[in-house]
Amino acid sequence: MPNSSSVSEFLLLAFADMCKLQLLHFALFLGIYLAALLGNGLILSAVACHHRFHTPMYFLLLNLALLDLGCISTTLPKAMANALWDTRAISYQGCVAQVFFFVFLFGAEYSLLTIMSYDRYVAICKPLHYGSLLGSRACAQMAAAAWGSGFLNAVLHTASTFSLPLCQGNVLEQFFCEIPHILKLSCSDSYIREVQLCTVTAFLFGGCFVFIVVSYVQIFRAVLRMPSEQGRHKAFSTCLPHLAVVSLFLSTVIFSHLKPPLISSPSLDLVLAFLYLVVPPALNPFIYCMRSKEIKVAMWKVTTGCFS
């Protein structure tokens, strides 16, 4: 039986067995990937090139666009290549890199979404203290903490996962290298330490989730107390994009990992992973653009080369 030292590659789950369907999936993935690159790239350019967007909210949005680009680029190009060349293989080193960057970027994005909810809470519930609580230095430090926490989380999980001996083959029932599916190949009881690490991470992410929920409860209470309808509309318009992004992000992840075992299947796991890995990075730029006229105008100027 092979162990981790003798495994030179893993076999990923294919989206389809027929060549024509694989080409169709490749075309679909390519369209989604290009849309994500275009949308997030325009947000990066708009925020970087327009001085009126040099505020904490748009600085955090710029970081979100960077993380979205990283998340979708970690898994989708390999899936497209496999579909195009009719293969399922990924090298051992490629799988290690994919796990590291996936955990790193995914964890950093969740932390950043938590910080963005705090930004909206301060802007609406404590507007007079916004400059002192969320100055440029504090905002940069919080963003750095989000990236740093994701990096530390990725180092711990990657080292813990790939230090385990593998004796159950090299076939992963997922279209990318995901830790739970790699652990199924382990023949050692030491996988318990990875389960313990995942439990600690789950508690930390649960704390972030509670923080987001409490922040929005306070935001909605403050908005509903506003006497002006125009003020309520403006407050909601600044919160709804972030709330939509958080809802899309969390609903797909929670259902994917906490669904009842009775309805679990490789095909369903594949579709759900596609929803939480690929769809949010592609949709996030459009969610923000639909609710912000300033971003729409700035992105249009970027595409036409006209900078104010």
Protein backbone atom coordinates (compact mmCIF):
# COMPACT_ATOMS: atom_id res chain seq x y z
CA MET A 1 0.00 0.00 0.00
CA PRO A 2 1.38 3.46 -0.89
CA ASN A 3 2.14 6.00 1.78
CA SER A 4 2.51 9.76 1.48
CA SER A 5 6.15 9.44 0.41
CA SER A 6 5.28 7.17 -2.53
CA VAL A 7 2.26 9.12 -3.76
CA SER A 8 3.46 11.26 -6.66
CA GLU A 9 0.06 12.46 -7.84
CA PHE A 10 -3.62 12.51 -6.97
CA LEU A 11 -6.61 11.82 -9.20
CA LEU A 12 -9.36 14.42 -8.99
CA LEU A 13 -13.07 13.92 -9.63
CA ALA A 14 -14.07 14.75 -13.19
CA PHE A 15 -17.19 16.81 -13.93
CA ALA A 16 -18.12 14.51 -16.81
CA ASP A 17 -16.93 11.32 -18.53
CA MET A 18 -17.83 12.22 -22.11
CA CYS A 19 -15.38 14.31 -24.15
CA LYS A 20 -18.07 16.67 -25.48
CA LEU A 21 -19.37 17.36 -21.98
CA GLN A 22 -15.83 18.02 -20.75
CA LEU A 23 -15.35 20.60 -23.51
CA LEU A 24 -18.68 22.15 -22.55
CA HIS A 25 -17.54 22.38 -18.93
CA PHE A 26 -14.26 23.92 -20.06
CA ALA A 27 -16.14 26.62 -21.99
CA LEU A 28 -18.40 27.28 -18.98
CA PHE A 29 -15.46 27.50 -16.59
CA LEU A 30 -13.56 29.76 -18.96
CA GLY A 31 -16.51 32.16 -19.22
CA ILE A 32 -16.93 32.31 -15.43
CA TYR A 33 -13.19 32.74 -14.89
CA LEU A 34 -12.94 35.57 -17.41
CA ALA A 35 -15.97 37.28 -15.83
CA ALA A 36 -14.33 37.04 -12.39
CA LEU A 37 -11.03 38.39 -13.75
CA LEU A 38 -12.78 41.27 -15.51
CA GLY A 39 -15.07 42.23 -12.63
CA ASN A 40 -12.49 42.07 -9.87
CA GLY A 41 -9.81 43.61 -12.09
CA LEU A 42 -12.05 46.60 -12.81
CA ILE A 43 -12.75 47.05 -9.09
CA LEU A 44 -9.01 46.99 -8.35
CA SER A 45 -8.33 49.54 -11.07
CA ALA A 46 -11.24 51.79 -10.09
CA VAL A 47 -10.32 51.90 -6.40
CA ALA A 48 -6.60 52.33 -7.05
CA CYS A 49 -6.92 55.07 -9.68
CA HIS A 50 -9.63 57.29 -8.14
CA HIS A 51 -8.72 59.28 -5.07
CA ARG A 52 -12.31 59.56 -3.85
CA PHE A 53 -12.26 55.79 -3.30
CA HIS A 54 -9.27 55.97 -0.96
CA THR A 55 -11.49 55.35 2.08
CA PRO A 56 -11.63 52.42 4.52
CA MET A 57 -14.72 50.88 2.88
CA TYR A 58 -13.19 50.84 -0.59
CA PHE A 59 -9.79 49.79 0.73
CA LEU A 60 -11.45 46.71 2.21
CA LEU A 61 -13.32 46.18 -1.07
CA LEU A 62 -9.97 46.24 -2.90
CA ASN A 63 -8.66 43.53 -0.57
CA LEU A 64 -11.82 41.49 -1.15
CA ALA A 65 -11.29 41.70 -4.92
CA LEU A 66 -7.68 40.51 -4.50
CA LEU A 67 -8.80 37.56 -2.38
CA ASP A 68 -11.57 36.67 -4.83
CA LEU A 69 -9.07 36.63 -7.69
CA GLY A 70 -6.77 34.39 -5.65
CA CYS A 71 -9.54 32.01 -4.57
CA ILE A 72 -10.87 31.36 -8.06
CA SER A 73 -7.36 31.16 -9.55
CA THR A 74 -6.32 28.49 -7.05
CA THR A 75 -8.74 25.82 -8.28
CA LEU A 76 -10.49 26.74 -11.52
CA PRO A 77 -7.50 26.89 -13.96
CA LYS A 78 -6.48 23.33 -12.99
CA ALA A 79 -10.08 22.14 -13.42
CA MET A 80 -10.19 23.79 -16.86
CA ALA A 81 -6.89 22.19 -17.88
CA ASN A 82 -8.07 18.75 -16.78
CA ALA A 83 -11.33 19.16 -18.70
CA LEU A 84 -9.51 20.35 -21.81
CA TRP A 85 -6.85 17.62 -21.82
CA ASP A 86 -9.16 14.84 -20.58
CA THR A 87 -7.15 14.06 -17.47
CA ARG A 88 -7.76 13.92 -13.72
CA ALA A 89 -4.19 14.07 -12.41
CA ILE A 90 -2.64 16.68 -10.15
CA SER A 91 0.92 16.34 -8.84
CA TYR A 92 1.61 15.87 -5.13
CA GLN A 93 3.35 19.26 -4.96
CA GLY A 94 0.48 20.86 -6.89
CA CYS A 95 -2.00 19.41 -4.41
CA VAL A 96 0.00 20.75 -1.46
CA ALA A 97 0.11 24.20 -3.06
CA GLN A 98 -3.61 24.08 -3.84
CA VAL A 99 -4.53 23.18 -0.24
CA PHE A 100 -2.26 25.89 1.16
CA PHE A 101 -3.54 28.71 -1.04
CA PHE A 102 -7.16 27.59 -0.75
CA VAL A 103 -7.08 27.59 3.07
CA PHE A 104 -5.03 30.81 3.15
CA LEU A 105 -7.26 32.84 0.82
CA PHE A 106 -10.52 31.34 2.03
CA GLY A 107 -9.74 32.04 5.69
CA ALA A 108 -8.45 35.54 4.94
CA GLU A 109 -11.61 36.36 2.98
CA TYR A 110 -13.88 35.26 5.81
CA SER A 111 -11.87 37.38 8.26
CA LEU A 112 -12.06 40.33 5.86
CA LEU A 113 -15.84 40.00 5.54
CA THR A 114 -16.01 40.18 9.35
CA ILE A 115 -13.94 43.37 9.31
CA MET A 116 -16.20 44.81 6.60
CA SER A 117 -19.24 44.20 8.80
CA TYR A 118 -17.48 46.15 11.58
CA ASP A 119 -16.80 48.94 9.09
CA ARG A 120 -20.51 49.19 8.24
CA TYR A 121 -21.44 49.03 11.94
CA VAL A 122 -19.17 51.95 12.83
CA ALA A 123 -20.25 53.96 9.77
CA ILE A 124 -23.96 53.69 10.63
CA CYS A 125 -24.11 53.26 14.39
CA LYS A 126 -21.15 55.47 15.38
CA PRO A 127 -20.60 57.87 12.47
CA LEU A 128 -19.01 60.58 14.65
CA HIS A 129 -16.27 58.14 15.72
CA TYR A 130 -15.66 56.65 12.27
CA GLY A 131 -12.44 58.58 11.63
CA SER A 132 -10.92 57.62 14.98
CA LEU A 133 -12.02 53.96 14.97
CA LEU A 134 -11.32 53.26 11.32
CA GLY A 135 -8.48 55.53 10.30
CA SER A 136 -6.12 54.52 7.51
CA ARG A 137 -3.63 52.98 9.94
CA ALA A 138 -6.25 50.98 11.85
CA CYS A 139 -7.82 49.80 8.61
CA ALA A 140 -4.46 48.65 7.23
CA GLN A 141 -3.68 46.83 10.47
CA MET A 142 -7.03 44.98 10.42
CA ALA A 143 -6.56 44.00 6.77
CA ALA A 144 -3.04 42.77 7.55
CA ALA A 145 -4.47 40.76 10.47
CA ALA A 146 -6.99 39.13 8.11
CA TRP A 147 -4.26 38.13 5.66
CA GLY A 148 -1.97 37.03 8.50
CA SER A 149 -4.63 34.87 10.17
CA GLY A 150 -5.35 33.17 6.85
CA PHE A 151 -1.63 32.51 6.29
CA LEU A 152 -1.13 31.03 9.77
CA ASN A 153 -4.24 28.90 9.41
CA ALA A 154 -3.01 27.61 6.04
CA VAL A 155 0.46 26.72 7.36
CA LEU A 156 -1.00 24.75 10.28
CA HIS A 157 -3.59 22.86 8.21
CA THR A 158 -1.25 22.10 5.30
CA ALA A 159 1.55 20.85 7.54
CA SER A 160 -0.87 18.76 9.60
CA THR A 161 -2.63 17.24 6.59
CA PHE A 162 0.39 16.26 4.49
CA SER A 163 2.39 14.90 7.43
CA LEU A 164 -0.09 11.99 7.59
CA PRO A 165 0.77 8.67 5.91
CA LEU A 166 -1.56 7.83 3.01
CA CYS A 167 -2.46 4.19 2.37
CA GLN A 168 -5.96 4.36 0.84
CA GLY A 169 -4.90 5.10 -2.73
CA ASN A 170 -4.70 8.50 -4.41
CA VAL A 171 -8.25 9.14 -5.68
CA LEU A 172 -9.96 12.29 -4.34
CA GLU A 173 -13.73 12.57 -4.67
CA GLN A 174 -13.57 16.29 -5.43
CA PHE A 175 -12.50 18.45 -8.37
CA PHE A 176 -9.75 20.09 -6.28
CA CYS A 177 -7.56 19.07 -3.34
CA GLU A 178 -9.75 19.47 -0.26
CA ILE A 179 -8.58 18.50 3.22
CA PRO A 180 -11.54 16.24 4.23
CA HIS A 181 -11.08 14.14 1.08
CA ILE A 182 -7.31 13.87 1.63
CA LEU A 183 -7.90 12.72 5.22
CA LYS A 184 -10.02 9.85 3.88
CA LEU A 185 -6.85 8.45 2.30
CA SER A 186 -4.98 8.40 5.62
CA CYS A 187 -4.26 5.14 7.40
CA SER A 188 -3.06 6.73 10.63
CA ASP A 189 -4.88 7.60 13.82
CA SER A 190 -2.92 10.84 13.82
CA TYR A 191 -5.67 12.37 11.66
CA ILE A 192 -7.30 13.19 14.99
CA ARG A 193 -4.94 16.15 15.37
CA GLU A 194 -6.22 17.56 12.07
CA VAL A 195 -9.79 17.04 13.29
CA GLN A 196 -8.89 18.90 16.48
CA LEU A 197 -7.33 21.71 14.43
CA CYS A 198 -10.46 21.90 12.28
CA THR A 199 -12.59 22.08 15.44
CA VAL A 200 -10.58 25.03 16.77
CA THR A 201 -10.85 26.76 13.37
CA ALA A 202 -14.61 26.12 13.32
CA PHE A 203 -14.99 27.79 16.72
CA LEU A 204 -13.00 30.81 15.54
CA PHE A 205 -15.10 31.08 12.38
CA GLY A 206 -18.22 30.62 14.48
CA GLY A 207 -17.11 33.60 16.55
CA CYS A 208 -16.73 35.65 13.35
CA PHE A 209 -20.21 34.57 12.29
CA VAL A 210 -21.71 35.67 15.61
CA PHE A 211 -19.87 39.00 15.30
CA ILE A 212 -21.33 39.56 11.81
CA VAL A 213 -24.85 38.71 12.98
CA VAL A 214 -24.64 40.97 16.05
CA SER A 215 -23.22 43.81 13.93
CA TYR A 216 -26.10 43.65 11.48
CA VAL A 217 -28.69 43.42 14.23
CA GLN A 218 -27.31 46.69 15.61
CA ILE A 219 -27.16 48.19 12.10
CA PHE A 220 -30.78 47.37 11.32
CA ARG A 221 -31.92 48.71 14.68
CA ALA A 222 -30.08 51.97 14.03
CA VAL A 223 -31.41 52.26 10.46
CA LEU A 224 -35.01 51.65 11.47
CA ARG A 225 -34.74 54.46 14.04
CA MET A 226 -33.71 56.98 11.39
CA PRO A 227 -36.45 59.61 10.88
CA SER A 228 -35.59 60.27 7.23
CA GLU A 229 -36.64 57.77 4.58
CA GLN A 230 -33.81 58.99 2.35
CA GLY A 231 -31.33 58.36 5.16
CA ARG A 232 -32.67 54.84 5.66
CA HIS A 233 -32.41 54.13 1.95
CA LYS A 234 -28.81 55.41 1.80
CA ALA A 235 -27.82 53.35 4.85
CA PHE A 236 -29.39 50.19 3.44
CA SER A 237 -27.75 50.75 0.05
CA THR A 238 -24.28 50.75 1.65
CA CYS A 239 -24.99 47.58 3.67
CA LEU A 240 -26.91 45.40 1.22
CA PRO A 241 -23.96 44.57 -1.09
CA HIS A 242 -21.85 43.36 1.84
CA LEU A 243 -24.78 41.48 3.35
CA ALA A 244 -25.51 39.80 0.00
CA VAL A 245 -21.84 38.76 -0.38
CA VAL A 246 -21.72 37.37 3.17
CA SER A 247 -25.00 35.49 2.68
CA LEU A 248 -23.84 33.94 -0.59
CA PHE A 249 -20.48 33.02 0.92
CA LEU A 250 -21.79 31.49 4.14
CA SER A 251 -24.94 29.76 2.85
CA THR A 252 -23.04 27.68 0.28
CA VAL A 253 -20.20 26.82 2.69
CA ILE A 254 -22.48 25.91 5.60
CA PHE A 255 -24.79 23.75 3.50
CA SER A 256 -21.85 22.04 1.81
CA HIS A 257 -20.16 21.02 5.07
CA LEU A 258 -23.17 20.58 7.38
CA LYS A 259 -25.64 18.86 5.05
CA PRO A 260 -27.22 15.59 6.29
CA PRO A 261 -25.13 12.49 5.45
CA LEU A 262 -28.15 10.86 3.83
CA ILE A 263 -28.12 13.31 0.92
CA SER A 264 -24.35 13.30 0.52
CA SER A 265 -22.90 12.09 -2.78
CA PRO A 266 -19.79 12.84 -4.86
CA SER A 267 -21.88 14.65 -7.48
CA LEU A 268 -23.63 16.84 -4.90
CA ASP A 269 -20.34 17.59 -3.12
CA LEU A 270 -18.83 18.61 -6.45
CA VAL A 271 -21.70 20.97 -7.29
CA LEU A 272 -21.73 22.54 -3.82
CA ALA A 273 -17.96 23.05 -3.88
CA PHE A 274 -18.32 24.72 -7.26
CA LEU A 275 -20.99 27.04 -5.81
CA TYR A 276 -18.92 28.27 -2.85
CA LEU A 277 -15.55 28.34 -4.64
CA VAL A 278 -16.38 29.71 -8.07
CA VAL A 279 -19.70 31.55 -7.95
CA PRO A 280 -19.00 34.12 -5.17
CA PRO A 281 -15.73 35.48 -6.70
CA ALA A 282 -17.51 35.89 -10.04
CA LEU A 283 -20.66 37.49 -8.59
CA ASN A 284 -19.18 39.75 -5.90
CA PRO A 285 -18.08 42.54 -8.29
CA PHE A 286 -21.51 42.65 -9.90
CA ILE A 287 -23.25 42.73 -6.51
CA TYR A 288 -21.24 45.78 -5.49
CA CYS A 289 -21.65 47.44 -8.88
CA MET A 290 -25.44 47.06 -8.88
CA ARG A 291 -25.74 48.94 -5.58
CA SER A 292 -23.07 51.62 -6.08
CA LYS A 293 -23.43 54.21 -8.84
CA GLU A 294 -19.96 55.59 -8.01
CA ILE A 295 -18.33 52.21 -8.65
CA LYS A 296 -20.30 51.84 -11.90
CA VAL A 297 -19.08 55.21 -13.16
CA ALA A 298 -15.49 54.55 -12.07
CA MET A 299 -15.43 51.12 -13.71
CA TRP A 300 -16.85 52.59 -16.90
CA LYS A 301 -14.09 55.21 -16.92
CA VAL A 302 -11.51 52.48 -16.43
CA THR A 303 -12.84 50.51 -19.40
CA THR A 304 -12.90 53.60 -21.63
CA GLY A 305 -9.54 54.90 -20.40
CA CYS A 306 -11.02 58.20 -19.14
CA PHE A 307 -9.80 59.04 -15.66
CA SER A 308 -11.14 62.00 -13.77
